[in-house]
């Protein structure tokens, strides 16, 4: 039986601030272009996971790296 993972991500304060700023800027651009989409920090995290997951690997030392 497959076990569900915990659905919470702990972020550093700086990461949370950066994601909040980006979400605000994306939302502002959407509103200025007549698009009524409001981004949240979690939307950005989902986007990154869905689009960059396959670019992440583990090297021989057990460290996370981006594939070349």
Protein backbone atom coordinates (compact mmCIF):
# COMPACT_ATOMS: atom_id res chain seq x y z
CA UNK A 1 0.00 0.00 0.00
CA UNK A 2 1.35 3.43 -0.95
CA UNK A 3 1.80 5.80 1.97
CA UNK A 4 0.95 9.49 1.54
CA UNK A 5 3.72 11.99 2.25
CA UNK A 6 3.38 14.91 4.61
CA UNK A 7 2.05 17.87 2.65
CA UNK A 8 3.87 20.62 4.49
CA UNK A 9 7.10 22.29 3.46
CA UNK A 10 9.23 24.21 5.94
CA UNK A 11 10.80 27.24 4.34
CA UNK A 12 13.56 29.51 5.54
CA UNK A 13 12.34 33.02 6.28
CA UNK A 14 14.29 34.33 3.28
CA UNK A 15 12.73 31.72 0.97
CA UNK A 16 9.25 32.62 2.16
CA UNK A 17 9.91 36.31 1.59
CA UNK A 18 11.30 35.71 -1.91
CA UNK A 19 8.34 33.51 -2.89
CA UNK A 20 5.93 36.08 -1.48
CA UNK A 21 7.52 38.86 -3.52
CA UNK A 22 7.42 36.77 -6.70
CA UNK A 23 3.79 35.76 -6.10
CA UNK A 24 2.87 39.42 -5.60
CA UNK A 25 4.69 40.52 -8.78
CA UNK A 26 3.07 37.76 -10.87
CA UNK A 27 -0.38 38.62 -9.50
CA UNK A 28 0.18 42.32 -10.15
CA UNK A 29 1.19 41.64 -13.78
CA UNK A 30 -1.86 39.43 -14.27
CA UNK A 31 -4.19 42.11 -12.91
CA UNK A 32 -2.56 44.77 -15.11
CA UNK A 33 -3.14 42.50 -18.12
CA UNK A 34 -6.77 41.88 -17.22
CA UNK A 35 -6.16 38.32 -16.02
CA UNK A 36 -7.86 37.59 -12.72
CA UNK A 37 -5.41 34.99 -11.38
CA UNK A 38 -3.94 35.42 -7.92
CA UNK A 39 -0.75 33.50 -7.19
CA UNK A 40 0.15 32.16 -3.76
CA UNK A 41 3.54 30.98 -2.60
CA UNK A 42 2.33 27.37 -2.81
CA UNK A 43 1.52 27.84 -6.52
CA UNK A 44 5.16 28.71 -7.15
CA UNK A 45 6.41 25.73 -5.15
CA UNK A 46 4.10 23.42 -7.14
CA UNK A 47 5.31 24.97 -10.41
CA UNK A 48 8.95 24.43 -9.48
CA UNK A 49 8.37 20.83 -8.40
CA UNK A 50 6.37 19.97 -11.51
CA UNK A 51 8.84 21.59 -13.92
CA UNK A 52 12.26 21.09 -12.31
CA UNK A 53 11.92 17.79 -10.44
CA UNK A 54 13.44 15.85 -13.33
CA UNK A 55 16.51 18.16 -13.30
CA UNK A 56 17.50 17.19 -9.75
CA UNK A 57 19.85 14.33 -8.98
CA UNK A 58 21.97 13.01 -6.12
CA UNK A 59 25.75 12.89 -6.59
CA UNK A 60 28.12 10.22 -5.26
CA UNK A 61 28.48 12.14 -1.99
CA UNK A 62 24.72 12.12 -1.39
CA UNK A 63 24.30 15.84 -2.19
CA UNK A 64 21.50 17.31 -4.24
CA UNK A 65 22.66 18.67 -7.60
CA UNK A 66 21.12 19.84 -10.85
CA UNK A 67 21.71 17.48 -13.75
CA UNK A 68 23.97 18.86 -16.44
